[in-house]
N, C-alpha and C. Protein backbone atom coordinates (compact mmCIF):
# COMPACT_ATOMS: atom_id res chain seq x y z
N MET A 1 0.83 -1.18 0.00
CA MET A 1 0.00 0.00 0.00
C MET A 1 0.88 1.26 0.00
N ARG A 2 2.01 1.18 0.64
CA ARG A 2 2.92 2.32 0.70
C ARG A 2 3.41 2.69 -0.70
N HIS A 3 3.80 1.67 -1.46
CA HIS A 3 4.27 1.89 -2.83
C HIS A 3 3.16 2.47 -3.69
N THR A 4 1.96 1.94 -3.59
CA THR A 4 0.82 2.42 -4.37
C THR A 4 0.51 3.86 -4.04
N ARG A 5 0.50 4.21 -2.76
CA ARG A 5 0.23 5.59 -2.35
C ARG A 5 1.30 6.53 -2.88
N ALA A 6 2.54 6.11 -2.83
CA ALA A 6 3.64 6.94 -3.34
C ALA A 6 3.48 7.20 -4.84
N ILE A 7 3.13 6.16 -5.58
CA ILE A 7 2.94 6.32 -7.03
C ILE A 7 1.79 7.27 -7.31
N HIS A 8 0.67 7.12 -6.59
CA HIS A 8 -0.47 8.02 -6.81
C HIS A 8 -0.13 9.47 -6.49
N LEU A 9 0.59 9.70 -5.43
CA LEU A 9 1.00 11.06 -5.08
C LEU A 9 1.92 11.64 -6.15
N TYR A 10 2.88 10.85 -6.59
CA TYR A 10 3.84 11.32 -7.60
C TYR A 10 3.12 11.63 -8.91
N ARG A 11 2.25 10.74 -9.36
CA ARG A 11 1.50 10.95 -10.60
C ARG A 11 0.51 12.10 -10.45
N GLY A 12 0.13 12.38 -9.23
CA GLY A 12 -0.77 13.50 -8.97
C GLY A 12 -0.08 14.84 -8.94
N GLY A 13 1.25 14.82 -9.07
CA GLY A 13 1.98 16.08 -9.17
C GLY A 13 2.89 16.40 -8.00
N MET A 14 2.95 15.54 -7.00
CA MET A 14 3.83 15.81 -5.87
C MET A 14 5.29 15.72 -6.33
N PRO A 15 6.07 16.77 -6.09
CA PRO A 15 7.49 16.74 -6.47
C PRO A 15 8.22 15.61 -5.75
N LEU A 16 9.22 15.07 -6.41
CA LEU A 16 9.97 13.94 -5.88
C LEU A 16 10.62 14.26 -4.53
N SER A 17 11.12 15.48 -4.37
CA SER A 17 11.79 15.84 -3.10
C SER A 17 10.80 15.81 -1.94
N ILE A 18 9.58 16.28 -2.17
CA ILE A 18 8.57 16.27 -1.10
C ILE A 18 8.09 14.85 -0.84
N LEU A 19 7.92 14.07 -1.91
CA LEU A 19 7.52 12.68 -1.76
C LEU A 19 8.55 11.91 -0.94
N SER A 20 9.81 12.20 -1.18
CA SER A 20 10.89 11.55 -0.45
C SER A 20 10.78 11.85 1.05
N GLU A 21 10.51 13.11 1.39
CA GLU A 21 10.34 13.49 2.79
C GLU A 21 9.09 12.84 3.38
N PHE A 22 8.01 12.82 2.60
CA PHE A 22 6.75 12.23 3.04
C PHE A 22 6.94 10.75 3.41
N LEU A 23 7.74 10.05 2.62
CA LEU A 23 7.98 8.63 2.86
C LEU A 23 9.04 8.38 3.93
N GLY A 24 9.73 9.46 4.34
CA GLY A 24 10.76 9.32 5.36
C GLY A 24 12.08 8.79 4.82
N HIS A 25 12.29 8.94 3.54
CA HIS A 25 13.55 8.48 2.95
C HIS A 25 14.64 9.52 3.20
N CYS A 26 15.85 9.05 3.38
CA CYS A 26 16.96 9.97 3.60
C CYS A 26 17.54 10.47 2.28
N SER A 27 17.11 9.85 1.16
CA SER A 27 17.66 10.21 -0.14
C SER A 27 16.57 10.11 -1.21
N GLU A 28 16.61 11.03 -2.17
CA GLU A 28 15.68 10.95 -3.29
C GLU A 28 15.95 9.70 -4.13
N GLU A 29 17.16 9.21 -4.13
CA GLU A 29 17.50 8.01 -4.89
C GLU A 29 16.67 6.81 -4.41
N THR A 30 16.44 6.73 -3.11
CA THR A 30 15.61 5.66 -2.57
C THR A 30 14.18 5.81 -3.07
N THR A 31 13.70 7.04 -3.14
CA THR A 31 12.33 7.30 -3.59
C THR A 31 12.17 6.95 -5.06
N ARG A 32 13.20 7.08 -5.85
CA ARG A 32 13.11 6.76 -7.28
C ARG A 32 12.74 5.29 -7.52
N ILE A 33 12.97 4.45 -6.54
CA ILE A 33 12.55 3.05 -6.65
C ILE A 33 11.03 2.98 -6.77
N TYR A 34 10.36 3.84 -6.01
CA TYR A 34 8.89 3.90 -6.02
C TYR A 34 8.35 4.71 -7.19
N ALA A 35 8.96 5.86 -7.39
CA ALA A 35 8.39 6.85 -8.29
C ALA A 35 9.12 6.87 -9.63
N TYR A 36 8.38 6.62 -10.67
CA TYR A 36 8.92 6.69 -12.02
C TYR A 36 7.85 7.31 -12.91
N ALA A 37 8.28 7.98 -13.94
CA ALA A 37 7.34 8.65 -14.84
C ALA A 37 6.77 7.65 -15.84
N ASP A 38 5.44 7.55 -15.85
CA ASP A 38 4.81 6.68 -16.84
C ASP A 38 4.60 7.46 -18.14
N THR A 39 4.08 6.81 -19.14
CA THR A 39 3.90 7.43 -20.46
C THR A 39 3.02 8.67 -20.39
N GLU A 40 1.95 8.61 -19.62
CA GLU A 40 1.03 9.75 -19.52
C GLU A 40 1.71 10.95 -18.88
N MET A 41 2.52 10.72 -17.86
CA MET A 41 3.25 11.81 -17.22
C MET A 41 4.23 12.45 -18.19
N LYS A 42 4.90 11.63 -18.99
CA LYS A 42 5.84 12.16 -19.98
C LYS A 42 5.11 12.97 -21.04
N ARG A 43 3.95 12.47 -21.49
CA ARG A 43 3.17 13.19 -22.50
C ARG A 43 2.71 14.55 -21.97
N GLU A 44 2.23 14.57 -20.73
CA GLU A 44 1.79 15.83 -20.13
C GLU A 44 2.95 16.82 -19.98
N ALA A 45 4.12 16.32 -19.61
CA ALA A 45 5.29 17.18 -19.45
C ALA A 45 5.71 17.78 -20.79
N ILE A 46 5.67 16.97 -21.84
CA ILE A 46 6.03 17.47 -23.18
C ILE A 46 5.03 18.51 -23.63
N ASN A 47 3.74 18.24 -23.44
CA ASN A 47 2.70 19.20 -23.83
C ASN A 47 2.86 20.51 -23.08
N LYS A 48 3.14 20.43 -21.78
CA LYS A 48 3.32 21.63 -20.97
C LYS A 48 4.55 22.42 -21.42
N ALA A 49 5.63 21.72 -21.71
CA ALA A 49 6.88 22.38 -22.11
C ALA A 49 6.81 22.99 -23.50
N THR A 50 5.95 22.46 -24.36
CA THR A 50 5.89 22.94 -25.74
C THR A 50 4.62 23.72 -26.04
N ALA A 51 3.86 24.07 -25.00
CA ALA A 51 2.58 24.76 -25.20
C ALA A 51 2.73 26.11 -25.92
N ASP A 52 3.83 26.78 -25.68
CA ASP A 52 4.03 28.11 -26.27
C ASP A 52 4.75 28.08 -27.60
N ILE A 53 5.13 26.91 -28.05
CA ILE A 53 5.86 26.78 -29.31
C ILE A 53 4.87 26.56 -30.44
N ALA A 54 4.93 27.42 -31.43
CA ALA A 54 4.05 27.29 -32.59
C ALA A 54 4.62 26.26 -33.55
N MET A 55 3.85 25.23 -33.80
CA MET A 55 4.28 24.19 -34.72
C MET A 55 3.84 24.57 -36.13
N PRO A 56 4.71 24.35 -37.12
CA PRO A 56 4.31 24.67 -38.49
C PRO A 56 3.16 23.77 -38.93
N GLU A 57 2.25 24.37 -39.66
CA GLU A 57 1.10 23.61 -40.15
C GLU A 57 1.53 22.76 -41.34
N GLU A 58 1.25 21.48 -41.25
CA GLU A 58 1.62 20.59 -42.33
C GLU A 58 0.49 20.47 -43.33
N LYS A 59 0.83 20.58 -44.60
CA LYS A 59 -0.16 20.40 -45.65
C LYS A 59 -0.09 18.96 -46.13
N PRO A 60 -1.24 18.32 -46.32
CA PRO A 60 -1.22 16.96 -46.87
C PRO A 60 -0.62 16.96 -48.27
N ILE A 61 0.07 15.89 -48.61
CA ILE A 61 0.73 15.84 -49.91
C ILE A 61 -0.25 15.86 -51.06
N TRP A 62 -1.50 15.44 -50.84
CA TRP A 62 -2.45 15.41 -51.94
C TRP A 62 -2.93 16.79 -52.34
N ASP A 63 -2.70 17.83 -51.52
CA ASP A 63 -3.06 19.19 -51.91
C ASP A 63 -2.24 19.67 -53.10
N GLU A 64 -1.07 19.08 -53.25
CA GLU A 64 -0.18 19.49 -54.33
C GLU A 64 -0.42 18.71 -55.62
N THR A 65 -1.33 17.75 -55.59
CA THR A 65 -1.60 16.90 -56.74
C THR A 65 -2.72 17.52 -57.57
N ASP A 66 -2.57 17.47 -58.87
CA ASP A 66 -3.60 18.05 -59.73
C ASP A 66 -4.83 17.14 -59.80
N GLU A 67 -5.92 17.69 -60.27
CA GLU A 67 -7.21 17.00 -60.33
C GLU A 67 -7.16 15.73 -61.18
N GLU A 68 -6.45 15.76 -62.28
CA GLU A 68 -6.36 14.60 -63.18
C GLU A 68 -5.68 13.42 -62.48
N THR A 69 -4.62 13.69 -61.76
CA THR A 69 -3.90 12.64 -61.04
C THR A 69 -4.80 12.03 -59.95
N LEU A 70 -5.56 12.87 -59.25
CA LEU A 70 -6.46 12.37 -58.22
C LEU A 70 -7.53 11.46 -58.81
N ARG A 71 -8.04 11.82 -59.98
CA ARG A 71 -9.06 10.99 -60.64
C ARG A 71 -8.46 9.63 -61.02
N LYS A 72 -7.24 9.64 -61.55
CA LYS A 72 -6.59 8.36 -61.93
C LYS A 72 -6.37 7.50 -60.70
N LEU A 73 -5.94 8.09 -59.63
CA LEU A 73 -5.69 7.33 -58.39
C LEU A 73 -6.99 6.75 -57.83
N ALA A 74 -8.06 7.46 -57.99
CA ALA A 74 -9.36 7.02 -57.48
C ALA A 74 -10.04 6.04 -58.44
N GLY A 75 -9.45 5.83 -59.59
CA GLY A 75 -10.05 4.92 -60.57
C GLY A 75 -11.11 5.57 -61.42
N LEU A 76 -11.21 6.88 -61.35
CA LEU A 76 -12.17 7.64 -62.17
C LEU A 76 -11.44 8.22 -63.36
N ARG A 77 -11.96 8.01 -64.53
CA ARG A 77 -11.26 8.55 -65.70
C ARG A 77 -12.09 9.58 -66.39
């Protein structure tokens, strides 16, 4: 139950240093055994870090294709 509670607190946003104190560990390295970033935490961190960065808008490659080529690809002649 201790491990589960630590993981829930960490995933809920509790900083590792505070979690370490909460668990009574003398070192954050000991706490790292309990607390690790899962995929969702990594995704949220990336989204938060890149929120202010404007990403270039990608145009689909078919926008550059002429009407005749699209008809041939679709089987319409």
